[in-house]
Amino acid sequence: MAPSSFRPALLWLCLLAAPALPAQQPPVPQDPPAPAPASTATPATPAAPVPTPPAPTRLRQLGEQAPPVAPPAPPTGPRVAFETSMGRIVFELYPDKAPMTVANFLAYVKDGHYNGTIFHRVIGDFLVQGGAYTPDMQHKPERAPVPSEAGNGLSNLRGTLAAARRSGDPNSATAQFFVNTVDNRPLDWRGDDAEMAGYTVFGRVVEGLDVVDRIRVVPTGARAPFAADVPVATVLIERATLLDE
């Protein structure tokens, strides 16, 4: 069973919350299970940790030497830039770890699928999710799903990029994705059973994690077809671009 540390929104994890207006809902969206409120019963497994701000550091005085800055690590895979209404986010992808998921994501990028879509699900100490809906909450067409690659050894840590899917079907990932805003180890692969299959990590944020952090604190509420967690003000993905090609 899914950890009870995730809140009841887990029931609409069929990759997005259960619609408030079921009679007119679009195809079942895709969401990883949301964490339960702090007041819920003791979970069977630990909840995703909530990061605490770092302790303030002493300002250097004139004449003091700044600490050395390590050179950036060379890129290990293709990079994709999302120009959003709140700033630029750059993802580095891992085709060596999740080749089918990366190829699927890049195909959507090259087709322009993500241009003009929104972050439709925001849970501050959990994730920000997008890839399916337009600002007027119309669900965009998607291609056939790709098999799960969640057992690739990568963990759903803060800043990682993962493929959203339906809760009961590990092999149902299509266009939707999410960025982990905290370490979400309960979403990792723990076995081949559908309830333990986890969510495929296929990249990480290498630029713009501060943008993700701004998105994670926007006010949210209900908006059909979802009962909660939709940003009140639209957070738009204006354009997605494959870099260095």
C-alpha atoms as a PDB file:
ATOM      1  CA  MET A   1       0.000   0.000   0.000  1.00  0.00           C
ATOM      2  CA  ALA A   2       1.146   3.621  -0.514  1.00  0.00           C
ATOM      3  CA  PRO A   3       2.650   5.261   2.590  1.00  0.00           C
ATOM      4  CA  SER A   4      -0.010   6.847   4.775  1.00  0.00           C
ATOM      5  CA  SER A   5       2.310   9.836   5.071  1.00  0.00           C
ATOM      6  CA  PHE A   6       0.817  10.863   1.782  1.00  0.00           C
ATOM      7  CA  ARG A   7      -2.497  12.703   2.172  1.00  0.00           C
ATOM      8  CA  PRO A   8      -5.826  11.527   0.843  1.00  0.00           C
ATOM      9  CA  ALA A   9      -5.001  13.127  -2.511  1.00  0.00           C
ATOM     10  CA  LEU A  10      -3.343   9.753  -3.168  1.00  0.00           C
ATOM     11  CA  LEU A  11      -6.809   8.541  -4.129  1.00  0.00           C
ATOM     12  CA  TRP A  12      -6.697  10.739  -7.247  1.00  0.00           C
ATOM     13  CA  LEU A  13      -3.106   9.927  -8.021  1.00  0.00           C
ATOM     14  CA  CYS A  14      -4.287   8.400 -11.279  1.00  0.00           C
ATOM     15  CA  LEU A  15      -1.920  11.013 -12.321  1.00  0.00           C
ATOM     16  CA  LEU A  16      -3.820  14.003 -11.159  1.00  0.00           C
ATOM     17  CA  ALA A  17      -6.473  14.804  -8.633  1.00  0.00           C
ATOM     18  CA  ALA A  18      -9.969  13.380  -8.953  1.00  0.00           C
ATOM     19  CA  PRO A  19     -12.069  15.927 -10.843  1.00  0.00           C
ATOM     20  CA  ALA A  20     -14.488  18.093  -8.948  1.00  0.00           C
ATOM     21  CA  LEU A  21     -16.948  17.774 -11.848  1.00  0.00           C
ATOM     22  CA  PRO A  22     -16.734  14.072 -12.764  1.00  0.00           C
ATOM     23  CA  ALA A  23     -19.415  14.361 -15.403  1.00  0.00           C
ATOM     24  CA  GLN A  24     -17.182  16.620 -17.536  1.00  0.00           C
ATOM     25  CA  GLN A  25     -13.695  15.486 -16.571  1.00  0.00           C
ATOM     26  CA  PRO A  26     -10.920  14.975 -19.143  1.00  0.00           C
ATOM     27  CA  PRO A  27      -8.945  11.720 -19.339  1.00  0.00           C
ATOM     28  CA  VAL A  28      -7.767  10.627 -15.897  1.00  0.00           C
ATOM     29  CA  PRO A  29      -4.726  12.783 -15.092  1.00  0.00           C
ATOM     30  CA  GLN A  30      -1.539  11.534 -13.557  1.00  0.00           C
ATOM     31  CA  ASP A  31      -0.111  12.309 -10.146  1.00  0.00           C
ATOM     32  CA  PRO A  32       2.229  10.762  -7.650  1.00  0.00           C
ATOM     33  CA  PRO A  33       0.579  10.524  -4.220  1.00  0.00           C
ATOM     34  CA  ALA A  34       0.548  13.720  -2.189  1.00  0.00           C
ATOM     35  CA  PRO A  35       1.855  13.726   1.403  1.00  0.00           C
ATOM     36  CA  ALA A  36      -0.691  13.668   4.213  1.00  0.00           C
ATOM     37  CA  PRO A  37      -1.080  16.629   6.622  1.00  0.00           C
ATOM     38  CA  ALA A  38       1.012  16.573   9.780  1.00  0.00           C
ATOM     39  CA  SER A  39      -2.066  15.770  11.852  1.00  0.00           C
ATOM     40  CA  THR A  40      -2.692  12.379  10.231  1.00  0.00           C
ATOM     41  CA  ALA A  41      -1.987   9.069  11.941  1.00  0.00           C
ATOM     42  CA  THR A  42       1.539   7.747  12.292  1.00  0.00           C
ATOM     43  CA  PRO A  43       2.695   6.670   8.810  1.00  0.00           C
ATOM     44  CA  ALA A  44       3.933   3.188   8.023  1.00  0.00           C
ATOM     45  CA  THR A  45       6.963   4.720   6.329  1.00  0.00           C
ATOM     46  CA  PRO A  46       8.695   8.051   6.974  1.00  0.00           C
ATOM     47  CA  ALA A  47       7.191  11.102   5.293  1.00  0.00           C
ATOM     48  CA  ALA A  48       9.204  13.067   2.774  1.00  0.00           C
ATOM     49  CA  PRO A  49      11.464  15.373   4.804  1.00  0.00           C
ATOM     50  CA  VAL A  50      10.738  19.072   4.762  1.00  0.00           C
ATOM     51  CA  PRO A  51      13.984  20.979   4.162  1.00  0.00           C
ATOM     52  CA  THR A  52      14.982  23.562   6.719  1.00  0.00           C
ATOM     53  CA  PRO A  53      16.722  26.803   5.734  1.00  0.00           C
ATOM     54  CA  PRO A  54      20.505  26.782   6.167  1.00  0.00           C
ATOM     55  CA  ALA A  55      21.999  28.608   9.120  1.00  0.00           C
ATOM     56  CA  PRO A  56      23.106  32.156   8.244  1.00  0.00           C
ATOM     57  CA  THR A  57      26.803  32.542   7.536  1.00  0.00           C
ATOM     58  CA  ARG A  58      29.081  35.368   8.668  1.00  0.00           C
ATOM     59  CA  LEU A  59      29.704  37.992   6.018  1.00  0.00           C
ATOM     60  CA  ARG A  60      33.335  38.116   4.891  1.00  0.00           C
ATOM     61  CA  GLN A  61      35.211  41.292   5.699  1.00  0.00           C
ATOM     62  CA  LEU A  62      37.341  43.194   3.226  1.00  0.00           C
ATOM     63  CA  GLY A  63      40.664  41.452   2.737  1.00  0.00           C
ATOM     64  CA  GLU A  64      39.331  38.002   3.549  1.00  0.00           C
ATOM     65  CA  GLN A  65      39.729  35.436   0.796  1.00  0.00           C
ATOM     66  CA  ALA A  66      36.595  33.964  -0.699  1.00  0.00           C
ATOM     67  CA  PRO A  67      36.387  30.171  -0.615  1.00  0.00           C
ATOM     68  CA  PRO A  68      37.413  28.489  -3.866  1.00  0.00           C
ATOM     69  CA  VAL A  69      34.635  27.728  -6.318  1.00  0.00           C
ATOM     70  CA  ALA A  70      34.661  24.238  -7.767  1.00  0.00           C
ATOM     71  CA  PRO A  71      34.380  24.119 -11.573  1.00  0.00           C
ATOM     72  CA  PRO A  72      30.987  22.949 -12.830  1.00  0.00           C
ATOM     73  CA  ALA A  73      30.726  19.281 -13.718  1.00  0.00           C
ATOM     74  CA  PRO A  74      30.593  18.594 -17.452  1.00  0.00           C
ATOM     75  CA  PRO A  75      27.112  17.808 -18.781  1.00  0.00           C
ATOM     76  CA  THR A  76      26.304  14.116 -18.936  1.00  0.00           C
ATOM     77  CA  GLY A  77      23.274  14.337 -21.184  1.00  0.00           C
ATOM     78  CA  PRO A  78      21.092  16.633 -23.265  1.00  0.00           C
ATOM     79  CA  ARG A  79      19.719  19.767 -21.669  1.00  0.00           C
ATOM     80  CA  VAL A  80      16.273  21.287 -22.056  1.00  0.00           C
ATOM     81  CA  ALA A  81      15.356  24.860 -21.121  1.00  0.00           C
ATOM     82  CA  PHE A  82      11.865  25.791 -19.969  1.00  0.00           C
ATOM     83  CA  GLU A  83      11.116  29.499 -20.264  1.00  0.00           C
ATOM     84  CA  THR A  84       8.311  30.014 -17.772  1.00  0.00           C
ATOM     85  CA  SER A  85       6.297  32.983 -16.605  1.00  0.00           C
ATOM     86  CA  MET A  86       8.333  32.866 -13.377  1.00  0.00           C
ATOM     87  CA  GLY A  87      11.790  32.374 -14.861  1.00  0.00           C
ATOM     88  CA  ARG A  88      14.078  29.934 -16.653  1.00  0.00           C
ATOM     89  CA  ILE A  89      14.541  26.287 -15.640  1.00  0.00           C
ATOM     90  CA  VAL A  90      17.162  24.061 -17.282  1.00  0.00           C
ATOM     91  CA  PHE A  91      17.027  20.290 -16.974  1.00  0.00           C
ATOM     92  CA  GLU A  92      19.890  17.893 -17.606  1.00  0.00           C
ATOM     93  CA  LEU A  93      18.611  14.503 -18.786  1.00  0.00           C
ATOM     94  CA  TYR A  94      19.982  11.001 -18.194  1.00  0.00           C
ATOM     95  CA  PRO A  95      19.564   8.909 -21.352  1.00  0.00           C
ATOM     96  CA  ASP A  96      22.016   6.351 -19.978  1.00  0.00           C
ATOM     97  CA  LYS A  97      19.711   5.709 -16.999  1.00  0.00           C
ATOM     98  CA  ALA A  98      16.270   6.158 -18.582  1.00  0.00           C
ATOM     99  CA  PRO A  99      16.645   5.987 -22.374  1.00  0.00           C
ATOM    100  CA  MET A 100      12.982   5.448 -23.230  1.00  0.00           C
ATOM    101  CA  THR A 101      11.729   8.120 -20.828  1.00  0.00           C
ATOM    102  CA  VAL A 102      14.287  10.659 -22.045  1.00  0.00           C
ATOM    103  CA  ALA A 103      13.489   9.917 -25.699  1.00  0.00           C
ATOM    104  CA  ASN A 104       9.785  10.349 -24.953  1.00  0.00           C
ATOM    105  CA  PHE A 105      10.334  13.669 -23.145  1.00  0.00           C
ATOM    106  CA  LEU A 106      12.567  15.007 -25.921  1.00  0.00           C
ATOM    107  CA  ALA A 107       9.997  14.047 -28.546  1.00  0.00           C
ATOM    108  CA  TYR A 108       7.384  16.152 -26.729  1.00  0.00           C
ATOM    109  CA  VAL A 109       9.870  19.023 -26.473  1.00  0.00           C
ATOM    110  CA  LYS A 110      10.718  18.904 -30.188  1.00  0.00           C
ATOM    111  CA  ASP A 111       7.031  18.690 -31.119  1.00  0.00           C
ATOM    112  CA  GLY A 112       6.305  21.875 -29.145  1.00  0.00           C
ATOM    113  CA  HIS A 113       3.902  20.018 -26.876  1.00  0.00           C
ATOM    114  CA  TYR A 114       4.993  21.832 -23.709  1.00  0.00           C
ATOM    115  CA  ASN A 115       4.780  25.314 -25.230  1.00  0.00           C
ATOM    116  CA  GLY A 116       1.793  27.074 -23.699  1.00  0.00           C
ATOM    117  CA  THR A 117       1.132  24.455 -21.012  1.00  0.00           C
ATOM    118  CA  ILE A 118       0.996  25.147 -17.287  1.00  0.00           C
ATOM    119  CA  PHE A 119       2.149  23.812 -13.961  1.00  0.00           C
ATOM    120  CA  HIS A 120      -1.251  22.509 -12.927  1.00  0.00           C
ATOM    121  CA  ARG A 121      -0.339  20.823  -9.641  1.00  0.00           C
ATOM    122  CA  VAL A 122       1.757  22.503  -6.942  1.00  0.00           C
ATOM    123  CA  ILE A 123       2.298  21.082  -3.453  1.00  0.00           C
ATOM    124  CA  GLY A 124       5.025  23.100  -1.769  1.00  0.00           C
ATOM    125  CA  ASP A 125       6.852  20.437   0.222  1.00  0.00           C
ATOM    126  CA  PHE A 126       6.283  17.703  -2.327  1.00  0.00           C
ATOM    127  CA  LEU A 127       6.413  18.612  -6.012  1.00  0.00           C
ATOM    128  CA  VAL A 128       5.444  20.857  -8.908  1.00  0.00           C
ATOM    129  CA  GLN A 129       3.834  19.099 -11.862  1.00  0.00           C
ATOM    130  CA  GLY A 130       3.023  20.002 -15.451  1.00  0.00           C
ATOM    131  CA  GLY A 131       2.988  18.901 -19.046  1.00  0.00           C
ATOM    132  CA  ALA A 132      -0.671  18.262 -19.828  1.00  0.00           C
ATOM    133  CA  TYR A 133      -2.950  21.294 -19.508  1.00  0.00           C
ATOM    134  CA  THR A 134      -3.407  24.641 -21.214  1.00  0.00           C
ATOM    135  CA  PRO A 135      -4.251  27.781 -19.177  1.00  0.00           C
ATOM    136  CA  ASP A 136      -7.968  27.138 -19.714  1.00  0.00           C
ATOM    137  CA  MET A 137      -7.510  23.605 -18.331  1.00  0.00           C
ATOM    138  CA  GLN A 138      -7.831  21.809 -21.643  1.00  0.00           C
ATOM    139  CA  HIS A 139      -5.978  18.499 -21.716  1.00  0.00           C
ATOM    140  CA  LYS A 140      -3.548  18.282 -24.647  1.00  0.00           C
ATOM    141  CA  PRO A 141      -3.343  15.102 -26.759  1.00  0.00           C
ATOM    142  CA  GLU A 142      -0.636  12.640 -25.771  1.00  0.00           C
ATOM    143  CA  ARG A 143       1.166   9.793 -27.472  1.00  0.00           C
ATOM    144  CA  ALA A 144       1.296   6.184 -26.334  1.00  0.00           C
ATOM    145  CA  PRO A 145       2.828   5.637 -22.876  1.00  0.00           C
ATOM    146  CA  VAL A 146       6.359   4.399 -22.248  1.00  0.00           C
ATOM    147  CA  PRO A 147       7.445   1.559 -19.934  1.00  0.00           C
ATOM    148  CA  SER A 148       8.640   2.369 -16.447  1.00  0.00           C
ATOM    149  CA  GLU A 149      12.368   2.746 -15.863  1.00  0.00           C
ATOM    150  CA  ALA A 150      12.036   3.532 -12.160  1.00  0.00           C
ATOM    151  CA  GLY A 151      14.434   0.757 -11.187  1.00  0.00           C
ATOM    152  CA  ASN A 152      17.399   2.614 -12.692  1.00  0.00           C
ATOM    153  CA  GLY A 153      19.023   3.421  -9.358  1.00  0.00           C
ATOM    154  CA  LEU A 154      18.090   7.119  -9.358  1.00  0.00           C
ATOM    155  CA  SER A 155      16.184   8.520  -6.385  1.00  0.00           C
ATOM    156  CA  ASN A 156      13.425  11.121  -6.236  1.00  0.00           C
ATOM    157  CA  LEU A 157      15.594  13.682  -4.482  1.00  0.00           C
ATOM    158  CA  ARG A 158      15.052  17.436  -4.350  1.00  0.00           C
ATOM    159  CA  GLY A 159      15.530  18.988  -7.783  1.00  0.00           C
ATOM    160  CA  THR A 160      15.158  15.775  -9.763  1.00  0.00           C
ATOM    161  CA  LEU A 161      12.859  15.468 -12.768  1.00  0.00           C
ATOM    162  CA  ALA A 162      10.525  12.466 -12.875  1.00  0.00           C
ATOM    163  CA  ALA A 163       7.814  11.047 -15.103  1.00  0.00           C
ATOM    164  CA  ALA A 164       4.246  11.224 -13.801  1.00  0.00           C
ATOM    165  CA  ARG A 165       1.990   8.232 -14.339  1.00  0.00           C
ATOM    166  CA  ARG A 166      -1.213   6.568 -13.174  1.00  0.00           C
ATOM    167  CA  SER A 167      -0.956   5.059  -9.718  1.00  0.00           C
ATOM    168  CA  GLY A 168      -2.075   1.575 -10.679  1.00  0.00           C
ATOM    169  CA  ASP A 169      -0.033   1.296 -13.869  1.00  0.00           C
ATOM    170  CA  PRO A 170       3.753   1.749 -13.729  1.00  0.00           C
ATOM    171  CA  ASN A 171       3.898   1.719 -17.533  1.00  0.00           C
ATOM    172  CA  SER A 172       1.518   4.619 -18.148  1.00  0.00           C
ATOM    173  CA  ALA A 173       3.872   7.646 -18.316  1.00  0.00           C
ATOM    174  CA  THR A 174       3.190  10.011 -21.221  1.00  0.00           C
ATOM    175  CA  ALA A 175       3.804  13.783 -21.313  1.00  0.00           C
ATOM    176  CA  GLN A 176       3.365  14.756 -17.675  1.00  0.00           C
ATOM    177  CA  PHE A 177       6.396  15.307 -15.452  1.00  0.00           C
ATOM    178  CA  PHE A 178       7.145  16.614 -11.999  1.00  0.00           C
ATOM    179  CA  VAL A 179      10.044  18.221 -10.170  1.00  0.00           C
ATOM    180  CA  ASN A 180      10.647  17.008  -6.623  1.00  0.00           C
ATOM    181  CA  THR A 181      10.805  20.024  -4.311  1.00  0.00           C
ATOM    182  CA  VAL A 182      12.039  17.900  -1.384  1.00  0.00           C
ATOM    183  CA  ASP A 183      13.593  14.448  -1.040  1.00  0.00           C
ATOM    184  CA  ASN A 184      10.705  12.099  -1.891  1.00  0.00           C
ATOM    185  CA  ARG A 185      12.242   8.667  -1.311  1.00  0.00           C
ATOM    186  CA  PRO A 186       8.822   7.005  -0.856  1.00  0.00           C
ATOM    187  CA  LEU A 187       8.378   7.574  -4.622  1.00  0.00           C
ATOM    188  CA  ASP A 188      11.443   5.441  -5.430  1.00  0.00           C
ATOM    189  CA  TRP A 189      11.283   1.967  -6.944  1.00  0.00           C
ATOM    190  CA  ARG A 190      11.045  -0.758  -4.280  1.00  0.00           C
ATOM    191  CA  GLY A 191       9.881  -3.695  -6.362  1.00  0.00           C
ATOM    192  CA  ASP A 192       7.956  -4.743  -9.460  1.00  0.00           C
ATOM    193  CA  ASP A 193       4.568  -4.803  -7.746  1.00  0.00           C
ATOM    194  CA  ALA A 194       2.383  -1.935  -8.977  1.00  0.00           C
ATOM    195  CA  GLU A 195       2.229  -0.376  -5.508  1.00  0.00           C
ATOM    196  CA  MET A 196       6.023  -0.438  -5.121  1.00  0.00           C
ATOM    197  CA  ALA A 197       7.064   0.362  -8.686  1.00  0.00           C
ATOM    198  CA  GLY A 198       7.978   3.982  -8.006  1.00  0.00           C
ATOM    199  CA  TYR A 199       8.331   6.899 -10.420  1.00  0.00           C
ATOM    200  CA  THR A 200      11.053   7.146 -13.054  1.00  0.00           C
ATOM    201  CA  VAL A 201      13.695   9.801 -12.418  1.00  0.00           C
ATOM    202  CA  PHE A 202      15.221  10.861 -15.737  1.00  0.00           C
ATOM    203  CA  GLY A 203      16.911  14.208 -15.102  1.00  0.00           C
ATOM    204  CA  ARG A 204      17.612  17.025 -12.680  1.00  0.00           C
ATOM    205  CA  VAL A 205      17.445  20.817 -12.475  1.00  0.00           C
ATOM    206  CA  VAL A 206      20.858  22.316 -13.229  1.00  0.00           C
ATOM    207  CA  GLU A 207      19.678  25.927 -13.479  1.00  0.00           C
ATOM    208  CA  GLY A 208      16.621  27.619 -12.019  1.00  0.00           C
ATOM    209  CA  LEU A 209      16.011  25.674  -8.823  1.00  0.00           C
ATOM    210  CA  ASP A 210      15.242  29.087  -7.343  1.00  0.00           C
ATOM    211  CA  VAL A 211      12.467  29.376  -9.934  1.00  0.00           C
ATOM    212  CA  VAL A 212      11.095  26.011  -8.832  1.00  0.00           C
ATOM    213  CA  ASP A 213      11.182  27.283  -5.261  1.00  0.00           C
ATOM    214  CA  ARG A 214       9.188  30.364  -6.269  1.00  0.00           C
ATOM    215  CA  ILE A 215       6.617  28.183  -8.008  1.00  0.00           C
ATOM    216  CA  ARG A 216       6.304  25.866  -5.020  1.00  0.00           C
ATOM    217  CA  VAL A 217       4.969  28.664  -2.778  1.00  0.00           C
ATOM    218  CA  VAL A 218       2.342  30.158  -5.093  1.00  0.00           C
ATOM    219  CA  PRO A 219      -1.222  30.177  -3.724  1.00  0.00           C
ATOM    220  CA  THR A 220      -3.283  27.210  -4.890  1.00  0.00           C
ATOM    221  CA  GLY A 221      -6.887  26.126  -4.786  1.00  0.00           C
ATOM    222  CA  ALA A 222      -9.606  24.149  -6.506  1.00  0.00           C
ATOM    223  CA  ARG A 223     -10.220  24.526 -10.203  1.00  0.00           C
ATOM    224  CA  ALA A 224     -12.211  22.111 -12.319  1.00  0.00           C
ATOM    225  CA  PRO A 225     -11.515  19.357 -12.918  1.00  0.00           C
ATOM    226  CA  PHE A 226      -9.303  19.292  -9.801  1.00  0.00           C
ATOM    227  CA  ALA A 227     -10.334  19.585  -6.176  1.00  0.00           C
ATOM    228  CA  ALA A 228      -7.107  21.248  -4.975  1.00  0.00           C
ATOM    229  CA  ASP A 229      -3.474  22.253  -5.627  1.00  0.00           C
ATOM    230  CA  VAL A 230      -3.999  24.239  -8.847  1.00  0.00           C
ATOM    231  CA  PRO A 231      -2.124  27.585  -8.837  1.00  0.00           C
ATOM    232  CA  VAL A 232      -4.532  30.500  -8.472  1.00  0.00           C
ATOM    233  CA  ALA A 233      -2.435  32.547 -10.912  1.00  0.00           C
ATOM    234  CA  THR A 234      -1.304  30.703 -14.025  1.00  0.00           C
ATOM    235  CA  VAL A 235       2.297  29.478 -14.040  1.00  0.00           C
ATOM    236  CA  LEU A 236       2.940  29.151 -17.764  1.00  0.00           C
ATOM    237  CA  ILE A 237       5.578  27.181 -19.655  1.00  0.00           C
ATOM    238  CA  GLU A 238       6.040  29.645 -22.473  1.00  0.00           C
ATOM    239  CA  ARG A 239       8.553  27.599 -24.430  1.00  0.00           C
ATOM    240  CA  ALA A 240      10.585  24.391 -24.096  1.00  0.00           C
ATOM    241  CA  THR A 241      13.836  24.183 -26.061  1.00  0.00           C
ATOM    242  CA  LEU A 242      16.493  21.525 -26.538  1.00  0.00           C
ATOM    243  CA  LEU A 243      19.849  23.227 -25.957  1.00  0.00           C
ATOM    244  CA  ASP A 244      23.088  22.759 -27.902  1.00  0.00           C
ATOM    245  CA  GLU A 245      21.532  21.191 -30.938  1.00  0.00           C
END
